[in-house]
Amino acid sequence: MDIQIISRNGEPEYAVLPWDQYQALLKAAGQHQPTLPPSASTAPAAPEQDLRPLADLRGLREAKGLAIETLARTVGISPSYLGLIESGERQPDAAIRRSLAWELGVAGWRDES
């Protein structure tokens, strides 16, 4: 299984795995397999808060003098996943966006969403 563990304050908080593996786990457990509505699979999720300054995530990280490995581990994600976020190939969820914003000192990180 391709599982990514996201930690906060040194404690595991989330486990992230590919959708097909998640569905296989549900099936093995005898539980109903949720399906995504058609709009969810084709449209990107709307950001829960305005963190447009994170659009230049690599620039912000480099301006702080942080290595990609350092920021990734601090936020609780892998350096390769952070690289995908920086290149725009992946969109992080709200928790990761908030963590990145907090670590990089971007205003608005404390949104209630």
PDB file of N, CA and C in Angstrom:
ATOM      1  N   MET A   1       0.831  -1.190   0.000  1.00  0.00           N
ATOM      2  CA  MET A   1       0.000   0.000   0.000  1.00  0.00           C
ATOM      3  C   MET A   1       0.866   1.240   0.000  1.00  0.00           C
ATOM      4  N   ASP A   2       0.376   2.250  -0.683  1.00  0.00           N
ATOM      5  CA  ASP A   2       1.063   3.532  -0.745  1.00  0.00           C
ATOM      6  C   ASP A   2       0.414   4.483   0.246  1.00  0.00           C
ATOM      7  N   ILE A   3       0.802   4.400   1.494  1.00  0.00           N
ATOM      8  CA  ILE A   3       0.193   5.223   2.542  1.00  0.00           C
ATOM      9  C   ILE A   3       1.171   6.308   2.952  1.00  0.00           C
ATOM     10  N   GLN A   4       0.635   7.517   3.085  1.00  0.00           N
ATOM     11  CA  GLN A   4       1.416   8.643   3.581  1.00  0.00           C
ATOM     12  C   GLN A   4       0.836   9.018   4.943  1.00  0.00           C
ATOM     13  N   ILE A   5       1.690   9.115   5.939  1.00  0.00           N
ATOM     14  CA  ILE A   5       1.272   9.515   7.277  1.00  0.00           C
ATOM     15  C   ILE A   5       1.584  10.994   7.450  1.00  0.00           C
ATOM     16  N   ILE A   6       0.592  11.762   7.853  1.00  0.00           N
ATOM     17  CA  ILE A   6       0.775  13.181   8.121  1.00  0.00           C
ATOM     18  C   ILE A   6       0.710  13.362   9.626  1.00  0.00           C
ATOM     19  N   SER A   7       1.764  13.955  10.161  1.00  0.00           N
ATOM     20  CA  SER A   7       1.862  14.144  11.609  1.00  0.00           C
ATOM     21  C   SER A   7       1.770  15.613  11.968  1.00  0.00           C
ATOM     22  N   ARG A   8       1.329  15.859  13.168  1.00  0.00           N
ATOM     23  CA  ARG A   8       1.316  17.205  13.734  1.00  0.00           C
ATOM     24  C   ARG A   8       1.840  17.057  15.160  1.00  0.00           C
ATOM     25  N   ASN A   9       2.811  17.904  15.496  1.00  0.00           N
ATOM     26  CA  ASN A   9       3.436  17.864  16.821  1.00  0.00           C
ATOM     27  C   ASN A   9       3.991  16.479  17.142  1.00  0.00           C
ATOM     28  N   GLY A  10       4.520  15.815  16.118  1.00  0.00           N
ATOM     29  CA  GLY A  10       5.146  14.520  16.321  1.00  0.00           C
ATOM     30  C   GLY A  10       4.190  13.345  16.448  1.00  0.00           C
ATOM     31  N   GLU A  11       2.898  13.580  16.349  1.00  0.00           N
ATOM     32  CA  GLU A  11       1.905  12.517  16.477  1.00  0.00           C
ATOM     33  C   GLU A  11       1.182  12.304  15.151  1.00  0.00           C
ATOM     34  N   PRO A  12       0.957  11.055  14.738  1.00  0.00           N
ATOM     35  CA  PRO A  12       0.215  10.822  13.501  1.00  0.00           C
ATOM     36  C   PRO A  12      -1.183  11.429  13.588  1.00  0.00           C
ATOM     37  N   GLU A  13      -1.574  12.154  12.541  1.00  0.00           N
ATOM     38  CA  GLU A  13      -2.887  12.800  12.530  1.00  0.00           C
ATOM     39  C   GLU A  13      -3.761  12.279  11.391  1.00  0.00           C
ATOM     40  N   TYR A  14      -3.165  12.030  10.232  1.00  0.00           N
ATOM     41  CA  TYR A  14      -3.904  11.549   9.065  1.00  0.00           C
ATOM     42  C   TYR A  14      -3.123  10.435   8.380  1.00  0.00           C
ATOM     43  N   ALA A  15      -3.842   9.553   7.731  1.00  0.00           N
ATOM     44  CA  ALA A  15      -3.239   8.574   6.828  1.00  0.00           C
ATOM     45  C   ALA A  15      -3.867   8.818   5.462  1.00  0.00           C
ATOM     46  N   VAL A  16      -3.034   9.008   4.462  1.00  0.00           N
ATOM     47  CA  VAL A  16      -3.500   9.306   3.117  1.00  0.00           C
ATOM     48  C   VAL A  16      -3.117   8.136   2.221  1.00  0.00           C
ATOM     49  N   LEU A  17      -4.083   7.644   1.462  1.00  0.00           N
ATOM     50  CA  LEU A  17      -3.805   6.556   0.548  1.00  0.00           C
ATOM     51  C   LEU A  17      -4.600   6.741  -0.737  1.00  0.00           C
ATOM     52  N   PRO A  18      -4.162   6.108  -1.822  1.00  0.00           N
ATOM     53  CA  PRO A  18      -4.887   6.247  -3.086  1.00  0.00           C
ATOM     54  C   PRO A  18      -6.324   5.760  -2.955  1.00  0.00           C
ATOM     55  N   TRP A  19      -7.212   6.394  -3.728  1.00  0.00           N
ATOM     56  CA  TRP A  19      -8.647   6.116  -3.653  1.00  0.00           C
ATOM     57  C   TRP A  19      -8.957   4.644  -3.881  1.00  0.00           C
ATOM     58  N   ASP A  20      -8.320   4.023  -4.864  1.00  0.00           N
ATOM     59  CA  ASP A  20      -8.625   2.623  -5.153  1.00  0.00           C
ATOM     60  C   ASP A  20      -8.220   1.719  -3.994  1.00  0.00           C
ATOM     61  N   GLN A  21      -7.135   2.051  -3.302  1.00  0.00           N
ATOM     62  CA  GLN A  21      -6.734   1.265  -2.142  1.00  0.00           C
ATOM     63  C   GLN A  21      -7.694   1.488  -0.974  1.00  0.00           C
ATOM     64  N   TYR A  22      -8.182   2.706  -0.835  1.00  0.00           N
ATOM     65  CA  TYR A  22      -9.182   3.018   0.192  1.00  0.00           C
ATOM     66  C   TYR A  22     -10.454   2.198  -0.053  1.00  0.00           C
ATOM     67  N   GLN A  23     -10.889   2.170  -1.309  1.00  0.00           N
ATOM     68  CA  GLN A  23     -12.095   1.408  -1.638  1.00  0.00           C
ATOM     69  C   GLN A  23     -11.885  -0.084  -1.383  1.00  0.00           C
ATOM     70  N   ALA A  24     -10.696  -0.602  -1.682  1.00  0.00           N
ATOM     71  CA  ALA A  24     -10.401  -2.007  -1.417  1.00  0.00           C
ATOM     72  C   ALA A  24     -10.451  -2.309   0.077  1.00  0.00           C
ATOM     73  N   LEU A  25      -9.949  -1.383   0.896  1.00  0.00           N
ATOM     74  CA  LEU A  25     -10.022  -1.564   2.355  1.00  0.00           C
ATOM     75  C   LEU A  25     -11.464  -1.587   2.836  1.00  0.00           C
ATOM     76  N   LEU A  26     -12.278  -0.673   2.311  1.00  0.00           N
ATOM     77  CA  LEU A  26     -13.693  -0.657   2.691  1.00  0.00           C
ATOM     78  C   LEU A  26     -14.369  -1.961   2.297  1.00  0.00           C
ATOM     79  N   LYS A  27     -14.091  -2.437   1.112  1.00  0.00           N
ATOM     80  CA  LYS A  27     -14.693  -3.686   0.638  1.00  0.00           C
ATOM     81  C   LYS A  27     -14.278  -4.849   1.533  1.00  0.00           C
ATOM     82  N   ALA A  28     -12.983  -4.921   1.880  1.00  0.00           N
ATOM     83  CA  ALA A  28     -12.486  -5.985   2.754  1.00  0.00           C
ATOM     84  C   ALA A  28     -13.132  -5.931   4.134  1.00  0.00           C
ATOM     85  N   ALA A  29     -13.470  -4.716   4.583  1.00  0.00           N
ATOM     86  CA  ALA A  29     -14.113  -4.545   5.894  1.00  0.00           C
ATOM     87  C   ALA A  29     -15.626  -4.744   5.814  1.00  0.00           C
ATOM     88  N   GLY A  30     -16.134  -4.956   4.594  1.00  0.00           N
ATOM     89  CA  GLY A  30     -17.574  -5.163   4.431  1.00  0.00           C
ATOM     90  C   GLY A  30     -18.383  -3.889   4.562  1.00  0.00           C
ATOM     91  N   GLN A  31     -17.779  -2.746   4.301  1.00  0.00           N
ATOM     92  CA  GLN A  31     -18.482  -1.477   4.410  1.00  0.00           C
ATOM     93  C   GLN A  31     -18.834  -0.942   3.041  1.00  0.00           C
ATOM     94  N   HIS A  32     -19.826  -0.060   3.032  1.00  0.00           N
ATOM     95  CA  HIS A  32     -20.273   0.573   1.799  1.00  0.00           C
ATOM     96  C   HIS A  32     -19.162   1.421   1.217  1.00  0.00           C
ATOM     97  N   GLN A  33     -18.992   1.348  -0.091  1.00  0.00           N
ATOM     98  CA  GLN A  33     -17.970   2.138  -0.764  1.00  0.00           C
ATOM     99  C   GLN A  33     -18.571   3.442  -1.260  1.00  0.00           C
ATOM    100  N   PRO A  34     -18.176   4.574  -0.675  1.00  0.00           N
ATOM    101  CA  PRO A  34     -18.706   5.852  -1.157  1.00  0.00           C
ATOM    102  C   PRO A  34     -18.175   6.154  -2.554  1.00  0.00           C
ATOM    103  N   THR A  35     -19.004   6.805  -3.323  1.00  0.00           N
ATOM    104  CA  THR A  35     -18.568   7.233  -4.641  1.00  0.00           C
ATOM    105  C   THR A  35     -18.589   8.745  -4.675  1.00  0.00           C
ATOM    106  N   LEU A  36     -17.720   9.298  -5.487  1.00  0.00           N
ATOM    107  CA  LEU A  36     -17.653  10.748  -5.616  1.00  0.00           C
ATOM    108  C   LEU A  36     -18.721  11.224  -6.584  1.00  0.00           C
ATOM    109  N   PRO A  37     -19.339  12.369  -6.296  1.00  0.00           N
ATOM    110  CA  PRO A  37     -20.253  12.937  -7.282  1.00  0.00           C
ATOM    111  C   PRO A  37     -19.457  13.322  -8.518  1.00  0.00           C
ATOM    112  N   PRO A  38     -20.097  13.320  -9.705  1.00  0.00           N
ATOM    113  CA  PRO A  38     -19.359  13.626 -10.931  1.00  0.00           C
ATOM    114  C   PRO A  38     -18.584  14.936 -10.872  1.00  0.00           C
ATOM    115  N   SER A  39     -19.129  15.944 -10.243  1.00  0.00           N
ATOM    116  CA  SER A  39     -18.432  17.229 -10.191  1.00  0.00           C
ATOM    117  C   SER A  39     -17.168  17.152  -9.351  1.00  0.00           C
ATOM    118  N   ALA A  40     -17.132  16.287  -8.344  1.00  0.00           N
ATOM    119  CA  ALA A  40     -15.965  16.194  -7.475  1.00  0.00           C
ATOM    120  C   ALA A  40     -14.778  15.581  -8.193  1.00  0.00           C
ATOM    121  N   SER A  41     -15.024  14.711  -9.155  1.00  0.00           N
ATOM    122  CA  SER A  41     -13.911  14.060  -9.824  1.00  0.00           C
ATOM    123  C   SER A  41     -13.361  14.891 -10.974  1.00  0.00           C
ATOM    124  N   THR A  42     -14.109  15.885 -11.439  1.00  0.00           N
ATOM    125  CA  THR A  42     -13.644  16.658 -12.584  1.00  0.00           C
ATOM    126  C   THR A  42     -13.216  18.073 -12.215  1.00  0.00           C
ATOM    127  N   ALA A  43     -13.753  18.636 -11.162  1.00  0.00           N
ATOM    128  CA  ALA A  43     -13.436  20.018 -10.801  1.00  0.00           C
ATOM    129  C   ALA A  43     -12.553  20.031  -9.562  1.00  0.00           C
ATOM    130  N   PRO A  44     -11.533  20.883  -9.536  1.00  0.00           N
ATOM    131  CA  PRO A  44     -10.713  20.978  -8.336  1.00  0.00           C
ATOM    132  C   PRO A  44     -11.533  21.570  -7.187  1.00  0.00           C
ATOM    133  N   ALA A  45     -11.180  21.147  -5.998  1.00  0.00           N
ATOM    134  CA  ALA A  45     -11.881  21.658  -4.824  1.00  0.00           C
ATOM    135  C   ALA A  45     -11.583  23.144  -4.654  1.00  0.00           C
ATOM    136  N   ALA A  46     -12.589  23.877  -4.262  1.00  0.00           N
ATOM    137  CA  ALA A  46     -12.393  25.310  -4.023  1.00  0.00           C
ATOM    138  C   ALA A  46     -11.588  25.485  -2.748  1.00  0.00           C
ATOM    139  N   PRO A  47     -10.631  26.384  -2.752  1.00  0.00           N
ATOM    140  CA  PRO A  47      -9.860  26.590  -1.529  1.00  0.00           C
ATOM    141  C   PRO A  47     -10.757  27.097  -0.412  1.00  0.00           C
ATOM    142  N   GLU A  48     -10.495  26.600   0.781  1.00  0.00           N
ATOM    143  CA  GLU A  48     -11.320  26.979   1.920  1.00  0.00           C
ATOM    144  C   GLU A  48     -10.905  28.321   2.496  1.00  0.00           C
ATOM    145  N   GLN A  49      -9.751  28.799   2.126  1.00  0.00           N
ATOM    146  CA  GLN A  49      -9.313  30.104   2.570  1.00  0.00           C
ATOM    147  C   GLN A  49      -8.401  30.681   1.505  1.00  0.00           C
ATOM    148  N   ASP A  50      -8.240  31.961   1.528  1.00  0.00           N
ATOM    149  CA  ASP A  50      -7.446  32.618   0.503  1.00  0.00           C
ATOM    150  C   ASP A  50      -5.977  32.625   0.918  1.00  0.00           C
ATOM    151  N   LEU A  51      -5.233  31.695   0.360  1.00  0.00           N
ATOM    152  CA  LEU A  51      -3.806  31.647   0.627  1.00  0.00           C
ATOM    153  C   LEU A  51      -3.054  31.794  -0.692  1.00  0.00           C
ATOM    154  N   ARG A  52      -3.511  32.739  -1.525  1.00  0.00           N
ATOM    155  CA  ARG A  52      -2.851  32.950  -2.812  1.00  0.00           C
ATOM    156  C   ARG A  52      -1.357  33.188  -2.685  1.00  0.00           C
ATOM    157  N   PRO A  53      -0.887  33.780  -1.574  1.00  0.00           N
ATOM    158  CA  PRO A  53       0.567  33.930  -1.468  1.00  0.00           C
ATOM    159  C   PRO A  53       1.297  32.585  -1.555  1.00  0.00           C
ATOM    160  N   LEU A  54       0.614  31.485  -1.270  1.00  0.00           N
ATOM    161  CA  LEU A  54       1.254  30.179  -1.383  1.00  0.00           C
ATOM    162  C   LEU A  54       1.433  29.761  -2.835  1.00  0.00           C
ATOM    163  N   ALA A  55       0.887  30.537  -3.777  1.00  0.00           N
ATOM    164  CA  ALA A  55       1.055  30.218  -5.190  1.00  0.00           C
ATOM    165  C   ALA A  55       2.539  30.175  -5.546  1.00  0.00           C
ATOM    166  N   ASP A  56       3.350  30.993  -4.903  1.00  0.00           N
ATOM    167  CA  ASP A  56       4.792  30.969  -5.120  1.00  0.00           C
ATOM    168  C   ASP A  56       5.454  30.274  -3.933  1.00  0.00           C
ATOM    169  N   LEU A  57       5.006  29.077  -3.671  1.00  0.00           N
ATOM    170  CA  LEU A  57       5.475  28.329  -2.513  1.00  0.00           C
ATOM    171  C   LEU A  57       6.991  28.137  -2.539  1.00  0.00           C
ATOM    172  N   ARG A  58       7.527  27.772  -3.683  1.00  0.00           N
ATOM    173  CA  ARG A  58       8.977  27.563  -3.780  1.00  0.00           C
ATOM    174  C   ARG A  58       9.725  28.858  -3.439  1.00  0.00           C
ATOM    175  N   GLY A  59       9.257  29.979  -3.977  1.00  0.00           N
ATOM    176  CA  GLY A  59       9.903  31.254  -3.696  1.00  0.00           C
ATOM    177  C   GLY A  59       9.833  31.612  -2.224  1.00  0.00           C
ATOM    178  N   LEU A  60       8.682  31.380  -1.602  1.00  0.00           N
ATOM    179  CA  LEU A  60       8.543  31.657  -0.169  1.00  0.00           C
ATOM    180  C   LEU A  60       9.492  30.785   0.643  1.00  0.00           C
ATOM    181  N   ARG A  61       9.541  29.502   0.282  1.00  0.00           N
ATOM    182  CA  ARG A  61      10.412  28.571   1.005  1.00  0.00           C
ATOM    183  C   ARG A  61      11.879  28.985   0.861  1.00  0.00           C
ATOM    184  N   GLU A  62      12.282  29.291  -0.374  1.00  0.00           N
ATOM    185  CA  GLU A  62      13.671  29.668  -0.611  1.00  0.00           C
ATOM    186  C   GLU A  62      14.020  30.992   0.067  1.00  0.00           C
ATOM    187  N   ALA A  63      13.064  31.923   0.114  1.00  0.00           N
ATOM    188  CA  ALA A  63      13.308  33.207   0.783  1.00  0.00           C
ATOM    189  C   ALA A  63      13.547  33.014   2.280  1.00  0.00           C
ATOM    190  N   LYS A  64      12.938  31.979   2.852  1.00  0.00           N
ATOM    191  CA  LYS A  64      13.144  31.667   4.277  1.00  0.00           C
ATOM    192  C   LYS A  64      14.404  30.841   4.490  1.00  0.00           C
ATOM    193  N   GLY A  65      15.037  30.428   3.375  1.00  0.00           N
ATOM    194  CA  GLY A  65      16.249  29.622   3.488  1.00  0.00           C
ATOM    195  C   GLY A  65      15.985  28.194   3.919  1.00  0.00           C
ATOM    196  N   LEU A  66      14.788  27.689   3.629  1.00  0.00           N
ATOM    197  CA  LEU A  66      14.425  26.330   4.035  1.00  0.00           C
ATOM    198  C   LEU A  66      14.645  25.345   2.895  1.00  0.00           C
ATOM    199  N   ALA A  67      15.270  24.230   3.197  1.00  0.00           N
ATOM    200  CA  ALA A  67      15.392  23.144   2.229  1.00  0.00           C
ATOM    201  C   ALA A  67      14.019  22.500   2.078  1.00  0.00           C
ATOM    202  N   ILE A  68      13.743  21.945   0.910  1.00  0.00           N
ATOM    203  CA  ILE A  68      12.447  21.315   0.675  1.00  0.00           C
ATOM    204  C   ILE A  68      12.203  20.187   1.682  1.00  0.00           C
ATOM    205  N   GLU A  69      13.257  19.442   2.027  1.00  0.00           N
ATOM    206  CA  GLU A  69      13.126  18.346   2.987  1.00  0.00           C
ATOM    207  C   GLU A  69      12.730  18.861   4.368  1.00  0.00           C
ATOM    208  N   THR A  70      13.322  19.979   4.759  1.00  0.00           N
ATOM    209  CA  THR A  70      13.045  20.552   6.080  1.00  0.00           C
ATOM    210  C   THR A  70      11.594  21.002   6.188  1.00  0.00           C
ATOM    211  N   LEU A  71      11.125  21.771   5.206  1.00  0.00           N
ATOM    212  CA  LEU A  71       9.743  22.246   5.248  1.00  0.00           C
ATOM    213  C   LEU A  71       8.762  21.086   5.172  1.00  0.00           C
ATOM    214  N   ALA A  72       9.033  20.134   4.296  1.00  0.00           N
ATOM    215  CA  ALA A  72       8.126  18.999   4.141  1.00  0.00           C
ATOM    216  C   ALA A  72       7.985  18.231   5.451  1.00  0.00           C
ATOM    217  N   ARG A  73       9.083  17.914   6.075  1.00  0.00           N
ATOM    218  CA  ARG A  73       9.034  17.132   7.324  1.00  0.00           C
ATOM    219  C   ARG A  73       8.373  17.926   8.448  1.00  0.00           C
ATOM    220  N   THR A  74       8.606  19.223   8.482  1.00  0.00           N
ATOM    221  CA  THR A  74       7.977  20.057   9.504  1.00  0.00           C
ATOM    222  C   THR A  74       6.456  20.057   9.344  1.00  0.00           C
ATOM    223  N   VAL A  75       5.998  20.088   8.095  1.00  0.00           N
ATOM    224  CA  VAL A  75       4.562  20.119   7.812  1.00  0.00           C
ATOM    225  C   VAL A  75       3.950  18.726   7.936  1.00  0.00           C
ATOM    226  N   GLY A  76       4.779  17.685   7.826  1.00  0.00           N
ATOM    227  CA  GLY A  76       4.278  16.323   7.961  1.00  0.00           C
ATOM    228  C   GLY A  76       3.963  15.643   6.636  1.00  0.00           C
ATOM    229  N   ILE A  77       4.643  16.087   5.570  1.00  0.00           N
ATOM    230  CA  ILE A  77       4.465  15.461   4.266  1.00  0.00           C
ATOM    231  C   ILE A  77       5.834  15.078   3.724  1.00  0.00           C
ATOM    232  N   SER A  78       5.848  14.301   2.671  1.00  0.00           N
ATOM    233  CA  SER A  78       7.127  13.897   2.090  1.00  0.00           C
ATOM    234  C   SER A  78       7.692  15.021   1.222  1.00  0.00           C
ATOM    235  N   PRO A  79       9.009  15.076   1.096  1.00  0.00           N
ATOM    236  CA  PRO A  79       9.612  16.080   0.212  1.00  0.00           C
ATOM    237  C   PRO A  79       9.121  15.946  -1.232  1.00  0.00           C
ATOM    238  N   SER A  80       8.889  14.718  -1.688  1.00  0.00           N
ATOM    239  CA  SER A  80       8.419  14.549  -3.069  1.00  0.00           C
ATOM    240  C   SER A  80       7.016  15.122  -3.236  1.00  0.00           C
ATOM    241  N   TYR A  81       6.156  14.960  -2.219  1.00  0.00           N
ATOM    242  CA  TYR A  81       4.811  15.523  -2.305  1.00  0.00           C
ATOM    243  C   TYR A  81       4.875  17.056  -2.285  1.00  0.00           C
ATOM    244  N   LEU A  82       5.755  17.609  -1.462  1.00  0.00           N
ATOM    245  CA  LEU A  82       5.917  19.061  -1.444  1.00  0.00           C
ATOM    246  C   LEU A  82       6.416  19.547  -2.797  1.00  0.00           C
ATOM    247  N   GLY A  83       7.304  18.801  -3.424  1.00  0.00           N
ATOM    248  CA  GLY A  83       7.772  19.160  -4.764  1.00  0.00           C
ATOM    249  C   GLY A  83       6.625  19.189  -5.768  1.00  0.00           C
ATOM    250  N   LEU A  84       5.705  18.227  -5.654  1.00  0.00           N
ATOM    251  CA  LEU A  84       4.535  18.208  -6.541  1.00  0.00           C
ATOM    252  C   LEU A  84       3.629  19.406  -6.279  1.00  0.00           C
ATOM    253  N   ILE A  85       3.498  19.789  -5.016  1.00  0.00           N
ATOM    254  CA  ILE A  85       2.690  20.965  -4.670  1.00  0.00           C
ATOM    255  C   ILE A  85       3.353  22.217  -5.250  1.00  0.00           C
ATOM    256  N   GLU A  86       4.668  22.331  -5.059  1.00  0.00           N
ATOM    257  CA  GLU A  86       5.385  23.504  -5.558  1.00  0.00           C
ATOM    258  C   GLU A  86       5.292  23.632  -7.079  1.00  0.00           C
ATOM    259  N   SER A  87       5.285  22.503  -7.768  1.00  0.00           N
ATOM    260  CA  SER A  87       5.228  22.539  -9.231  1.00  0.00           C
ATOM    261  C   SER A  87       3.812  22.694  -9.756  1.00  0.00           C
ATOM    262  N   GLY A  88       2.818  22.647  -8.853  1.00  0.00           N
ATOM    263  CA  GLY A  88       1.430  22.789  -9.269  1.00  0.00           C
ATOM    264  C   GLY A  88       0.783  21.496  -9.723  1.00  0.00           C
ATOM    265  N   GLU A  89       1.481  20.370  -9.576  1.00  0.00           N
ATOM    266  CA  GLU A  89       0.935  19.083  -9.989  1.00  0.00           C
ATOM    267  C   GLU A  89      -0.057  18.520  -8.977  1.00  0.00           C
ATOM    268  N   ARG A  90       0.015  18.973  -7.740  1.00  0.00           N
ATOM    269  CA  ARG A  90      -0.915  18.536  -6.694  1.00  0.00           C
ATOM    270  C   ARG A  90      -1.424  19.754  -5.945  1.00  0.00           C
ATOM    271  N   GLN A  91      -2.661  19.664  -5.489  1.00  0.00           N
ATOM    272  CA  GLN A  91      -3.266  20.706  -4.666  1.00  0.00           C
ATOM    273  C   GLN A  91      -3.420  20.149  -3.252  1.00  0.00           C
ATOM    274  N   PRO A  92      -2.758  20.743  -2.280  1.00  0.00           N
ATOM    275  CA  PRO A  92      -2.852  20.223  -0.912  1.00  0.00           C
ATOM    276  C   PRO A  92      -4.214  20.513  -0.305  1.00  0.00           C
ATOM    277  N   ASP A  93      -4.590  19.695   0.665  1.00  0.00           N
ATOM    278  CA  ASP A  93      -5.849  19.953   1.361  1.00  0.00           C
ATOM    279  C   ASP A  93      -5.686  21.146   2.301  1.00  0.00           C
ATOM    280  N   ALA A  94      -6.780  21.535   2.927  1.00  0.00           N
ATOM    281  CA  ALA A  94      -6.786  22.728   3.774  1.00  0.00           C
ATOM    282  C   ALA A  94      -5.808  22.621   4.939  1.00  0.00           C
ATOM    283  N   ALA A  95      -5.698  21.443   5.534  1.00  0.00           N
ATOM    284  CA  ALA A  95      -4.796  21.282   6.679  1.00  0.00           C
ATOM    285  C   ALA A  95      -3.345  21.493   6.267  1.00  0.00           C
ATOM    286  N   ILE A  96      -2.973  20.960   5.118  1.00  0.00           N
ATOM    287  CA  ILE A  96      -1.596  21.135   4.649  1.00  0.00           C
ATOM    288  C   ILE A  96      -1.361  22.583   4.250  1.00  0.00           C
ATOM    289  N   ARG A  97      -2.352  23.214   3.594  1.00  0.00           N
ATOM    290  CA  ARG A  97      -2.203  24.632   3.237  1.00  0.00           C
ATOM    291  C   ARG A  97      -1.999  25.479   4.483  1.00  0.00           C
ATOM    292  N   ARG A  98      -2.797  25.216   5.516  1.00  0.00           N
ATOM    293  CA  ARG A  98      -2.646  25.980   6.763  1.00  0.00           C
ATOM    294  C   ARG A  98      -1.265  25.761   7.383  1.00  0.00           C
ATOM    295  N   SER A  99      -0.802  24.508   7.379  1.00  0.00           N
ATOM    296  CA  SER A  99       0.516  24.214   7.947  1.00  0.00           C
ATOM    297  C   SER A  99       1.618  24.911   7.167  1.00  0.00           C
ATOM    298  N   LEU A 100       1.525  24.870   5.835  1.00  0.00           N
ATOM    299  CA  LEU A 100       2.520  25.547   5.008  1.00  0.00           C
ATOM    300  C   LEU A 100       2.493  27.050   5.267  1.00  0.00           C
ATOM    301  N   ALA A 101       1.293  27.612   5.319  1.00  0.00           N
ATOM    302  CA  ALA A 101       1.161  29.052   5.560  1.00  0.00           C
ATOM    303  C   ALA A 101       1.749  29.425   6.918  1.00  0.00           C
ATOM    304  N   TRP A 102       1.468  28.632   7.924  1.00  0.00           N
ATOM    305  CA  TRP A 102       1.991  28.893   9.258  1.00  0.00           C
ATOM    306  C   TRP A 102       3.517  28.858   9.253  1.00  0.00           C
ATOM    307  N   GLU A 103       4.093  27.807   8.678  1.00  0.00           N
ATOM    308  CA  GLU A 103       5.548  27.658   8.672  1.00  0.00           C
ATOM    309  C   GLU A 103       6.232  28.751   7.862  1.00  0.00           C
ATOM    310  N   LEU A 104       5.550  29.257   6.831  1.00  0.00           N
ATOM    311  CA  LEU A 104       6.153  30.277   5.971  1.00  0.00           C
ATOM    312  C   LEU A 104       5.762  31.698   6.368  1.00  0.00           C
ATOM    313  N   GLY A 105       4.930  31.834   7.401  1.00  0.00           N
ATOM    314  CA  GLY A 105       4.556  33.152   7.883  1.00  0.00           C
ATOM    315  C   GLY A 105       3.588  33.897   6.987  1.00  0.00           C
ATOM    316  N   VAL A 106       2.728  33.147   6.283  1.00  0.00           N
ATOM    317  CA  VAL A 106       1.745  33.774   5.399  1.00  0.00           C
ATOM    318  C   VAL A 106       0.524  34.177   6.230  1.00  0.00           C
ATOM    319  N   ALA A 107       0.103  35.431   6.078  1.00  0.00           N
ATOM    320  CA  ALA A 107      -1.062  35.924   6.816  1.00  0.00           C
ATOM    321  C   ALA A 107      -2.310  35.146   6.402  1.00  0.00           C
ATOM    322  N   GLY A 108      -3.233  34.975   7.339  1.00  0.00           N
ATOM    323  CA  GLY A 108      -4.486  34.317   7.052  1.00  0.00           C
ATOM    324  C   GLY A 108      -4.502  32.832   7.332  1.00  0.00           C
ATOM    325  N   TRP A 109      -3.428  32.307   7.913  1.00  0.00           N
ATOM    326  CA  TRP A 109      -3.336  30.877   8.153  1.00  0.00           C
ATOM    327  C   TRP A 109      -4.332  30.380   9.185  1.00  0.00           C
ATOM    328  N   ARG A 110      -4.821  31.268  10.038  1.00  0.00           N
ATOM    329  CA  ARG A 110      -5.659  30.837  11.140  1.00  0.00           C
ATOM    330  C   ARG A 110      -7.141  30.868  10.800  1.00  0.00           C
ATOM    331  N   ASP A 111      -7.500  30.701   9.564  1.00  0.00           N
ATOM    332  CA  ASP A 111      -8.900  30.677   9.151  1.00  0.00           C
ATOM    333  C   ASP A 111      -9.606  29.525   9.848  1.00  0.00           C
ATOM    334  N   GLU A 112     -10.861  29.700  10.167  1.00  0.00           N
ATOM    335  CA  GLU A 112     -11.625  28.682  10.879  1.00  0.00           C
ATOM    336  C   GLU A 112     -12.031  27.498  10.007  1.00  0.00           C
ATOM    337  N   SER A 113     -11.788  27.558   8.704  1.00  0.00           N
ATOM    338  CA  SER A 113     -12.221  26.468   7.832  1.00  0.00           C
ATOM    339  C   SER A 113     -11.404  25.228   8.044  1.00  0.00           C
TER     340      SER A 113
END
